[in-house]
Amino acid sequence: MDREIIPFDQLYLNAVDPDGVISSFISGHLMIEFMLIKLVEIDSFKLSDCEDKITHCRLIVLAEGLELISESQANVLLNINTVRNKFTYNIAYRPTVEEIKHLFIIAKESFKDLNCGLIKGIAELEGKTSIYECKPYIYANLFTQIAYDLHEIYQEFSGDIIQIKKQ
């Protein structure tokens, strides 16, 4: 991966995350990972022996293989993971409007969009040329709508509607 050389003050500003993109992606990614672990555990597969060794990508593939999530849902989650990994390898990375819009569009095709957060996110991205023009809440909408569906799947497999139990 090509690593861009940036001045230290730019590195600092990116670490502070003034636009909220990094924190939204990391928090959202962690929320999705938590729900995937709970889904896999409720399906009687114990991750306790390997949960610190399993990658997010493998967790998605495992959930799909156990038929807990669909292939299209797994594809969305893998695309989100790819963007999150770009932050890991380049703190100065910022996705383009097109990259973010693509995530919203494929998420809308694969998840229910219970509170229309995906539709609102797509609308917010319309006509924008930079993510800096977008309202910061839209990134959280992407993850919240996905988490709603993962929680619904959790409930379908006998998970409690309110209390997510530790296995």
N, C-alpha and C. Protein backbone atom coordinates (compact mmCIF):
# COMPACT_ATOMS: atom_id res chain seq x y z
N MET A 1 0.84 -1.17 0.00
CA MET A 1 0.00 0.00 0.00
C MET A 1 0.89 1.24 0.00
N ASP A 2 0.59 2.18 -0.86
CA ASP A 2 1.35 3.41 -0.96
C ASP A 2 1.03 4.29 0.24
N ARG A 3 2.07 4.67 0.97
CA ARG A 3 1.89 5.51 2.15
C ARG A 3 2.33 6.92 1.83
N GLU A 4 1.42 7.83 2.01
CA GLU A 4 1.68 9.24 1.73
C GLU A 4 2.47 9.85 2.89
N ILE A 5 3.45 10.65 2.56
CA ILE A 5 4.21 11.37 3.58
C ILE A 5 3.47 12.67 3.85
N ILE A 6 3.15 12.89 5.13
CA ILE A 6 2.42 14.10 5.51
C ILE A 6 3.15 14.78 6.66
N PRO A 7 2.99 16.09 6.80
CA PRO A 7 3.62 16.78 7.92
C PRO A 7 3.02 16.33 9.24
N PHE A 8 3.80 16.44 10.31
CA PHE A 8 3.34 15.99 11.63
C PHE A 8 2.06 16.68 12.06
N ASP A 9 1.94 17.99 11.80
CA ASP A 9 0.72 18.68 12.24
C ASP A 9 -0.52 18.13 11.54
N GLN A 10 -0.36 17.69 10.31
CA GLN A 10 -1.48 17.07 9.60
C GLN A 10 -1.81 15.72 10.24
N LEU A 11 -0.79 14.97 10.62
CA LEU A 11 -1.00 13.70 11.31
C LEU A 11 -1.77 13.93 12.61
N TYR A 12 -1.37 14.94 13.35
CA TYR A 12 -2.04 15.28 14.60
C TYR A 12 -3.50 15.64 14.35
N LEU A 13 -3.76 16.48 13.36
CA LEU A 13 -5.13 16.89 13.06
C LEU A 13 -5.99 15.69 12.67
N ASN A 14 -5.42 14.76 11.92
CA ASN A 14 -6.18 13.57 11.55
C ASN A 14 -6.44 12.68 12.75
N ALA A 15 -5.49 12.62 13.68
CA ALA A 15 -5.69 11.80 14.88
C ALA A 15 -6.78 12.40 15.77
N VAL A 16 -6.90 13.71 15.77
CA VAL A 16 -7.94 14.37 16.56
C VAL A 16 -9.32 14.10 15.94
N ASP A 17 -9.37 13.82 14.66
CA ASP A 17 -10.60 13.45 13.96
C ASP A 17 -11.65 14.55 13.98
N PRO A 18 -11.30 15.74 13.49
CA PRO A 18 -12.24 16.86 13.55
C PRO A 18 -13.53 16.64 12.75
N ASP A 19 -13.48 15.80 11.71
CA ASP A 19 -14.68 15.58 10.91
C ASP A 19 -15.51 14.40 11.40
N GLY A 20 -15.00 13.65 12.37
CA GLY A 20 -15.75 12.55 12.96
C GLY A 20 -15.81 11.28 12.12
N VAL A 21 -15.14 11.25 10.99
CA VAL A 21 -15.22 10.09 10.10
C VAL A 21 -14.55 8.87 10.74
N ILE A 22 -13.34 9.05 11.25
CA ILE A 22 -12.62 7.91 11.83
C ILE A 22 -13.39 7.36 13.03
N SER A 23 -13.79 8.22 13.93
CA SER A 23 -14.48 7.74 15.13
C SER A 23 -15.80 7.06 14.77
N SER A 24 -16.50 7.57 13.78
CA SER A 24 -17.75 6.92 13.35
C SER A 24 -17.48 5.53 12.79
N PHE A 25 -16.45 5.41 11.97
CA PHE A 25 -16.14 4.11 11.38
C PHE A 25 -15.64 3.12 12.41
N ILE A 26 -14.79 3.57 13.32
CA ILE A 26 -14.27 2.65 14.35
C ILE A 26 -15.40 2.22 15.28
N SER A 27 -16.19 3.17 15.76
CA SER A 27 -17.31 2.83 16.65
C SER A 27 -18.32 1.93 15.94
N GLY A 28 -18.66 2.29 14.71
CA GLY A 28 -19.61 1.49 13.94
C GLY A 28 -19.09 0.09 13.67
N HIS A 29 -17.82 0.00 13.32
CA HIS A 29 -17.19 -1.28 13.05
C HIS A 29 -17.23 -2.16 14.31
N LEU A 30 -16.93 -1.56 15.46
CA LEU A 30 -16.98 -2.30 16.72
C LEU A 30 -18.40 -2.76 17.06
N MET A 31 -19.38 -1.92 16.78
CA MET A 31 -20.78 -2.29 17.02
C MET A 31 -21.17 -3.48 16.16
N ILE A 32 -20.80 -3.45 14.89
CA ILE A 32 -21.10 -4.57 13.99
C ILE A 32 -20.38 -5.82 14.46
N GLU A 33 -19.12 -5.70 14.84
CA GLU A 33 -18.36 -6.86 15.30
C GLU A 33 -19.01 -7.47 16.55
N PHE A 34 -19.43 -6.63 17.48
CA PHE A 34 -20.09 -7.10 18.69
C PHE A 34 -21.35 -7.91 18.34
N MET A 35 -22.17 -7.37 17.44
CA MET A 35 -23.40 -8.07 17.07
C MET A 35 -23.09 -9.37 16.33
N LEU A 36 -22.08 -9.38 15.49
CA LEU A 36 -21.71 -10.62 14.79
C LEU A 36 -21.26 -11.69 15.78
N ILE A 37 -20.46 -11.29 16.76
CA ILE A 37 -20.03 -12.25 17.79
C ILE A 37 -21.23 -12.81 18.52
N LYS A 38 -22.18 -11.96 18.89
CA LYS A 38 -23.38 -12.42 19.60
C LYS A 38 -24.20 -13.36 18.72
N LEU A 39 -24.29 -13.06 17.43
CA LEU A 39 -25.02 -13.94 16.51
C LEU A 39 -24.37 -15.31 16.43
N VAL A 40 -23.06 -15.32 16.26
CA VAL A 40 -22.34 -16.59 16.14
C VAL A 40 -22.44 -17.37 17.44
N GLU A 41 -22.33 -16.69 18.58
CA GLU A 41 -22.42 -17.37 19.87
C GLU A 41 -23.81 -17.95 20.11
N ILE A 42 -24.85 -17.24 19.71
CA ILE A 42 -26.20 -17.73 19.95
C ILE A 42 -26.49 -18.97 19.10
N ASP A 43 -25.75 -19.11 18.02
CA ASP A 43 -25.89 -20.29 17.17
C ASP A 43 -25.10 -21.46 17.73
N SER A 44 -24.75 -21.38 19.01
CA SER A 44 -24.06 -22.44 19.75
C SER A 44 -22.61 -22.62 19.37
N PHE A 45 -22.06 -21.70 18.65
CA PHE A 45 -20.64 -21.77 18.30
C PHE A 45 -19.90 -20.89 19.29
N LYS A 46 -19.07 -21.47 20.09
CA LYS A 46 -18.37 -20.71 21.12
C LYS A 46 -17.09 -20.09 20.56
N LEU A 47 -16.99 -18.79 20.69
CA LEU A 47 -15.81 -18.08 20.21
C LEU A 47 -14.82 -17.80 21.32
N SER A 48 -15.16 -18.19 22.54
CA SER A 48 -14.32 -17.80 23.68
C SER A 48 -12.87 -18.25 23.54
N ASP A 49 -12.62 -19.37 22.91
CA ASP A 49 -11.25 -19.86 22.76
C ASP A 49 -10.47 -19.13 21.66
N CYS A 50 -11.19 -18.53 20.72
CA CYS A 50 -10.48 -17.93 19.58
C CYS A 50 -10.91 -16.51 19.27
N GLU A 51 -11.77 -15.89 20.09
CA GLU A 51 -12.29 -14.58 19.73
C GLU A 51 -11.21 -13.50 19.62
N ASP A 52 -10.11 -13.66 20.35
CA ASP A 52 -9.04 -12.67 20.23
C ASP A 52 -8.14 -12.93 19.03
N LYS A 53 -8.37 -14.05 18.33
CA LYS A 53 -7.56 -14.40 17.17
C LYS A 53 -8.33 -14.29 15.85
N ILE A 54 -9.64 -14.25 15.93
CA ILE A 54 -10.44 -14.22 14.71
C ILE A 54 -10.53 -12.78 14.18
N THR A 55 -10.26 -12.62 12.91
CA THR A 55 -10.33 -11.29 12.31
C THR A 55 -11.78 -10.93 12.02
N HIS A 56 -12.01 -9.66 11.82
CA HIS A 56 -13.36 -9.19 11.50
C HIS A 56 -13.83 -9.83 10.20
N CYS A 57 -12.95 -9.91 9.24
CA CYS A 57 -13.28 -10.52 7.94
C CYS A 57 -13.71 -11.98 8.13
N ARG A 58 -12.95 -12.72 8.88
CA ARG A 58 -13.29 -14.13 9.12
C ARG A 58 -14.59 -14.28 9.90
N LEU A 59 -14.86 -13.34 10.80
CA LEU A 59 -16.10 -13.36 11.56
C LEU A 59 -17.30 -13.17 10.62
N ILE A 60 -17.17 -12.27 9.66
CA ILE A 60 -18.22 -12.06 8.66
C ILE A 60 -18.44 -13.32 7.84
N VAL A 61 -17.35 -13.91 7.37
CA VAL A 61 -17.44 -15.14 6.58
C VAL A 61 -18.06 -16.28 7.40
N LEU A 62 -17.70 -16.37 8.67
CA LEU A 62 -18.27 -17.39 9.55
C LEU A 62 -19.77 -17.18 9.72
N ALA A 63 -20.19 -15.95 9.97
CA ALA A 63 -21.63 -15.66 10.14
C ALA A 63 -22.39 -15.99 8.87
N GLU A 64 -21.80 -15.70 7.73
CA GLU A 64 -22.45 -16.05 6.46
C GLU A 64 -22.49 -17.56 6.29
N GLY A 65 -21.39 -18.24 6.60
CA GLY A 65 -21.33 -19.70 6.47
C GLY A 65 -22.33 -20.41 7.38
N LEU A 66 -22.60 -19.83 8.54
CA LEU A 66 -23.60 -20.39 9.46
C LEU A 66 -25.02 -19.96 9.07
N GLU A 67 -25.12 -19.24 7.95
CA GLU A 67 -26.40 -18.76 7.41
C GLU A 67 -27.13 -17.84 8.38
N LEU A 68 -26.35 -17.06 9.12
CA LEU A 68 -26.91 -16.06 10.03
C LEU A 68 -27.14 -14.74 9.30
N ILE A 69 -26.30 -14.47 8.31
CA ILE A 69 -26.46 -13.30 7.46
C ILE A 69 -26.40 -13.76 6.01
N SER A 70 -26.99 -12.97 5.13
CA SER A 70 -27.01 -13.33 3.71
C SER A 70 -25.68 -12.98 3.04
N GLU A 71 -25.52 -13.48 1.85
CA GLU A 71 -24.31 -13.17 1.08
C GLU A 71 -24.21 -11.67 0.81
N SER A 72 -25.33 -11.04 0.49
CA SER A 72 -25.30 -9.60 0.20
C SER A 72 -25.00 -8.79 1.47
N GLN A 73 -25.51 -9.23 2.61
CA GLN A 73 -25.19 -8.56 3.87
C GLN A 73 -23.70 -8.72 4.19
N ALA A 74 -23.18 -9.91 3.98
CA ALA A 74 -21.75 -10.14 4.20
C ALA A 74 -20.92 -9.24 3.29
N ASN A 75 -21.35 -9.09 2.05
CA ASN A 75 -20.63 -8.23 1.11
C ASN A 75 -20.58 -6.78 1.61
N VAL A 76 -21.69 -6.28 2.13
CA VAL A 76 -21.73 -4.92 2.68
C VAL A 76 -20.74 -4.80 3.83
N LEU A 77 -20.77 -5.76 4.73
CA LEU A 77 -19.88 -5.72 5.89
C LEU A 77 -18.42 -5.82 5.50
N LEU A 78 -18.13 -6.61 4.49
CA LEU A 78 -16.74 -6.71 4.00
C LEU A 78 -16.30 -5.39 3.36
N ASN A 79 -17.20 -4.71 2.66
CA ASN A 79 -16.87 -3.41 2.08
C ASN A 79 -16.61 -2.37 3.16
N ILE A 80 -17.41 -2.39 4.21
CA ILE A 80 -17.19 -1.48 5.35
C ILE A 80 -15.84 -1.79 5.99
N ASN A 81 -15.53 -3.07 6.14
CA ASN A 81 -14.26 -3.47 6.73
C ASN A 81 -13.08 -2.98 5.89
N THR A 82 -13.23 -2.99 4.59
CA THR A 82 -12.18 -2.51 3.70
C THR A 82 -11.91 -1.02 3.94
N VAL A 83 -12.97 -0.23 4.07
CA VAL A 83 -12.80 1.20 4.35
C VAL A 83 -12.14 1.38 5.71
N ARG A 84 -12.61 0.64 6.71
CA ARG A 84 -12.03 0.76 8.06
C ARG A 84 -10.54 0.41 8.02
N ASN A 85 -10.17 -0.60 7.24
CA ASN A 85 -8.76 -0.99 7.14
C ASN A 85 -7.92 0.11 6.51
N LYS A 86 -8.51 0.89 5.61
CA LYS A 86 -7.77 2.00 5.00
C LYS A 86 -7.36 3.02 6.05
N PHE A 87 -8.23 3.25 7.06
CA PHE A 87 -7.88 4.14 8.17
C PHE A 87 -6.72 3.55 8.98
N THR A 88 -6.73 2.24 9.12
CA THR A 88 -5.70 1.56 9.90
C THR A 88 -4.32 1.78 9.30
N TYR A 89 -4.24 1.75 7.98
CA TYR A 89 -2.95 1.86 7.32
C TYR A 89 -2.57 3.27 6.92
N ASN A 90 -3.52 4.21 7.03
CA ASN A 90 -3.23 5.59 6.66
C ASN A 90 -4.20 6.50 7.40
N ILE A 91 -3.76 7.03 8.52
CA ILE A 91 -4.62 7.86 9.36
C ILE A 91 -5.11 9.11 8.62
N ALA A 92 -4.40 9.52 7.59
CA ALA A 92 -4.80 10.68 6.81
C ALA A 92 -5.85 10.34 5.75
N TYR A 93 -6.13 9.06 5.59
CA TYR A 93 -7.12 8.64 4.59
C TYR A 93 -8.50 9.21 4.90
N ARG A 94 -9.16 9.70 3.90
CA ARG A 94 -10.56 10.08 3.99
C ARG A 94 -11.26 9.52 2.76
N PRO A 95 -12.36 8.80 2.98
CA PRO A 95 -13.06 8.23 1.82
C PRO A 95 -13.68 9.33 0.97
N THR A 96 -13.89 9.03 -0.29
CA THR A 96 -14.55 9.98 -1.17
C THR A 96 -16.06 9.90 -0.94
N VAL A 97 -16.76 10.89 -1.43
CA VAL A 97 -18.22 10.88 -1.37
C VAL A 97 -18.74 9.63 -2.09
N GLU A 98 -18.12 9.29 -3.20
CA GLU A 98 -18.56 8.12 -3.97
C GLU A 98 -18.39 6.83 -3.17
N GLU A 99 -17.27 6.69 -2.44
CA GLU A 99 -17.06 5.50 -1.61
C GLU A 99 -18.13 5.39 -0.53
N ILE A 100 -18.40 6.49 0.14
CA ILE A 100 -19.41 6.49 1.20
C ILE A 100 -20.79 6.21 0.62
N LYS A 101 -21.10 6.86 -0.47
CA LYS A 101 -22.40 6.67 -1.12
C LYS A 101 -22.57 5.22 -1.54
N HIS A 102 -21.52 4.62 -2.06
CA HIS A 102 -21.58 3.20 -2.45
C HIS A 102 -21.93 2.32 -1.25
N LEU A 103 -21.33 2.59 -0.10
CA LEU A 103 -21.65 1.82 1.11
C LEU A 103 -23.11 1.96 1.48
N PHE A 104 -23.63 3.19 1.43
CA PHE A 104 -25.04 3.42 1.76
C PHE A 104 -25.95 2.69 0.77
N ILE A 105 -25.62 2.75 -0.49
CA ILE A 105 -26.47 2.13 -1.52
C ILE A 105 -26.49 0.61 -1.37
N ILE A 106 -25.33 0.00 -1.20
CA ILE A 106 -25.34 -1.47 -1.08
C ILE A 106 -25.95 -1.90 0.26
N ALA A 107 -25.80 -1.07 1.29
CA ALA A 107 -26.44 -1.38 2.57
C ALA A 107 -27.96 -1.30 2.42
N LYS A 108 -28.45 -0.30 1.70
CA LYS A 108 -29.89 -0.16 1.50
C LYS A 108 -30.45 -1.35 0.73
N GLU A 109 -29.67 -1.93 -0.17
CA GLU A 109 -30.11 -3.08 -0.95
C GLU A 109 -30.13 -4.36 -0.12
N SER A 110 -29.39 -4.39 0.99
CA SER A 110 -29.22 -5.63 1.76
C SER A 110 -29.81 -5.58 3.17
N PHE A 111 -30.08 -4.39 3.67
CA PHE A 111 -30.63 -4.24 5.02
C PHE A 111 -31.95 -3.48 4.94
N LYS A 112 -32.75 -3.55 6.00
CA LYS A 112 -34.12 -3.03 5.97
C LYS A 112 -34.25 -1.52 6.06
N ASP A 113 -33.30 -0.84 6.60
CA ASP A 113 -33.34 0.61 6.75
C ASP A 113 -34.57 1.03 7.57
N LEU A 114 -34.69 0.44 8.75
CA LEU A 114 -35.83 0.61 9.63
C LEU A 114 -36.22 2.07 9.87
N ASN A 115 -35.26 2.94 10.12
CA ASN A 115 -35.56 4.35 10.40
C ASN A 115 -35.18 5.28 9.25
N CYS A 116 -35.04 4.71 8.06
CA CYS A 116 -34.71 5.48 6.85
C CYS A 116 -33.36 6.20 6.94
N GLY A 117 -32.47 5.75 7.79
CA GLY A 117 -31.16 6.36 7.92
C GLY A 117 -30.32 6.20 6.67
N LEU A 118 -30.51 5.09 5.96
CA LEU A 118 -29.74 4.88 4.73
C LEU A 118 -30.25 5.80 3.63
N ILE A 119 -31.56 5.92 3.54
CA ILE A 119 -32.14 6.84 2.55
C ILE A 119 -31.69 8.27 2.85
N LYS A 120 -31.72 8.66 4.12
CA LYS A 120 -31.30 10.01 4.51
C LYS A 120 -29.81 10.23 4.22
N GLY A 121 -29.01 9.19 4.44
CA GLY A 121 -27.58 9.29 4.15
C GLY A 121 -27.31 9.48 2.67
N ILE A 122 -28.02 8.72 1.84
CA ILE A 122 -27.86 8.85 0.39
C ILE A 122 -28.28 10.25 -0.04
N ALA A 123 -29.39 10.75 0.50
CA ALA A 123 -29.86 12.10 0.17
C ALA A 123 -28.84 13.16 0.61
N GLU A 124 -28.26 12.98 1.80
CA GLU A 124 -27.27 13.93 2.30
C GLU A 124 -26.03 13.97 1.39
N LEU A 125 -25.69 12.85 0.79
CA LEU A 125 -24.50 12.78 -0.06
C LEU A 125 -24.73 13.35 -1.46
N GLU A 126 -25.99 13.47 -1.85
CA GLU A 126 -26.30 13.99 -3.19
C GLU A 126 -25.73 15.39 -3.38
N GLY A 127 -25.06 15.59 -4.48
CA GLY A 127 -24.54 16.91 -4.83
C GLY A 127 -23.29 17.32 -4.07
N LYS A 128 -22.81 16.48 -3.16
CA LYS A 128 -21.60 16.82 -2.40
C LYS A 128 -20.37 16.39 -3.20
N THR A 129 -19.31 17.17 -3.05
CA THR A 129 -18.05 16.83 -3.72
C THR A 129 -16.99 16.37 -2.72
N SER A 130 -17.27 16.58 -1.43
CA SER A 130 -16.33 16.22 -0.38
C SER A 130 -17.10 15.74 0.85
N ILE A 131 -16.53 14.81 1.58
CA ILE A 131 -17.19 14.35 2.81
C ILE A 131 -17.24 15.46 3.85
N TYR A 132 -16.39 16.46 3.72
CA TYR A 132 -16.38 17.58 4.66
C TYR A 132 -17.64 18.44 4.53
N GLU A 133 -18.35 18.29 3.43
CA GLU A 133 -19.60 19.01 3.23
C GLU A 133 -20.79 18.31 3.88
N CYS A 134 -20.58 17.08 4.31
CA CYS A 134 -21.68 16.25 4.84
C CYS A 134 -21.85 16.46 6.34
N LYS A 135 -23.07 16.28 6.78
CA LYS A 135 -23.34 16.32 8.22
C LYS A 135 -22.75 15.06 8.85
N PRO A 136 -22.03 15.19 9.96
CA PRO A 136 -21.33 14.04 10.54
C PRO A 136 -22.23 12.87 10.97
N TYR A 137 -23.49 13.15 11.28
CA TYR A 137 -24.38 12.08 11.75
C TYR A 137 -24.62 11.00 10.70
N ILE A 138 -24.41 11.30 9.42
CA ILE A 138 -24.76 10.31 8.41
C ILE A 138 -23.94 9.03 8.54
N TYR A 139 -22.71 9.13 8.99
CA TYR A 139 -21.88 7.93 9.11
C TYR A 139 -22.45 7.00 10.17
N ALA A 140 -22.89 7.58 11.28
CA ALA A 140 -23.51 6.77 12.33
C ALA A 140 -24.78 6.10 11.83
N ASN A 141 -25.53 6.78 10.96
CA ASN A 141 -26.75 6.18 10.40
C ASN A 141 -26.46 4.87 9.68
N LEU A 142 -25.37 4.84 8.94
CA LEU A 142 -25.00 3.63 8.21
C LEU A 142 -24.89 2.44 9.17
N PHE A 143 -24.17 2.64 10.25
CA PHE A 143 -23.92 1.55 11.19
C PHE A 143 -25.15 1.22 12.04
N THR A 144 -25.91 2.23 12.40
CA THR A 144 -27.10 2.01 13.21
C THR A 144 -28.12 1.17 12.46
N GLN A 145 -28.34 1.48 11.19
CA GLN A 145 -29.33 0.72 10.42
C GLN A 145 -28.90 -0.75 10.26
N ILE A 146 -27.61 -0.97 10.07
CA ILE A 146 -27.10 -2.35 9.97
C ILE A 146 -27.25 -3.05 11.31
N ALA A 147 -26.93 -2.36 12.39
CA ALA A 147 -27.04 -2.95 13.73
C ALA A 147 -28.49 -3.33 14.05
N TYR A 148 -29.45 -2.50 13.61
CA TYR A 148 -30.86 -2.85 13.82
C TYR A 148 -31.17 -4.21 13.21
N ASP A 149 -30.72 -4.43 11.99
CA ASP A 149 -30.99 -5.71 11.33
C ASP A 149 -30.27 -6.86 12.02
N LEU A 150 -29.01 -6.64 12.40
CA LEU A 150 -28.27 -7.71 13.08
C LEU A 150 -28.94 -8.04 14.42
N HIS A 151 -29.46 -7.04 15.10
CA HIS A 151 -30.18 -7.28 16.35
C HIS A 151 -31.47 -8.05 16.10
N GLU A 152 -32.14 -7.73 15.01
CA GLU A 152 -33.35 -8.47 14.66
C GLU A 152 -33.03 -9.94 14.38
N ILE A 153 -31.95 -10.19 13.68
CA ILE A 153 -31.52 -11.57 13.42
C ILE A 153 -31.20 -12.26 14.75
N TYR A 154 -30.54 -11.54 15.63
CA TYR A 154 -30.22 -12.06 16.97
C TYR A 154 -31.50 -12.50 17.69
N GLN A 155 -32.53 -11.69 17.60
CA GLN A 155 -33.80 -12.03 18.23
C GLN A 155 -34.45 -13.25 17.56
N GLU A 156 -34.35 -13.34 16.24
CA GLU A 156 -34.92 -14.49 15.52
C GLU A 156 -34.29 -15.80 15.97
N PHE A 157 -33.04 -15.74 16.43
CA PHE A 157 -32.34 -16.93 16.92
C PHE A 157 -32.41 -17.02 18.44
N SER A 158 -33.49 -16.47 19.01
CA SER A 158 -33.81 -16.55 20.44
C SER A 158 -32.99 -15.61 21.32
N GLY A 159 -32.36 -14.62 20.75
CA GLY A 159 -31.69 -13.63 21.57
C GLY A 159 -32.73 -12.72 22.20
N ASP A 160 -32.43 -12.22 23.36
CA ASP A 160 -33.36 -11.33 24.07
C ASP A 160 -33.46 -9.99 23.35
N ILE A 161 -34.65 -9.43 23.32
CA ILE A 161 -34.88 -8.17 22.62
C ILE A 161 -34.16 -7.00 23.27
N ILE A 162 -33.99 -7.04 24.59
CA ILE A 162 -33.38 -5.94 25.32
C ILE A 162 -31.96 -6.28 25.78
N GLN A 163 -31.82 -7.37 26.46
CA GLN A 163 -30.55 -7.75 27.07
C GLN A 163 -29.76 -8.67 26.15
N ILE A 164 -28.58 -8.23 25.71
CA ILE A 164 -27.74 -9.08 24.89
C ILE A 164 -26.85 -9.85 25.87
N LYS A 165 -27.11 -11.14 25.95
CA LYS A 165 -26.50 -11.97 26.97
C LYS A 165 -25.06 -12.33 26.65
N LYS A 166 -24.27 -12.42 27.71
CA LYS A 166 -22.91 -12.90 27.58
C LYS A 166 -22.96 -14.43 27.54
N GLN A 167 -22.26 -15.00 26.61
CA GLN A 167 -22.26 -16.46 26.47
C GLN A 167 -21.20 -17.09 27.35
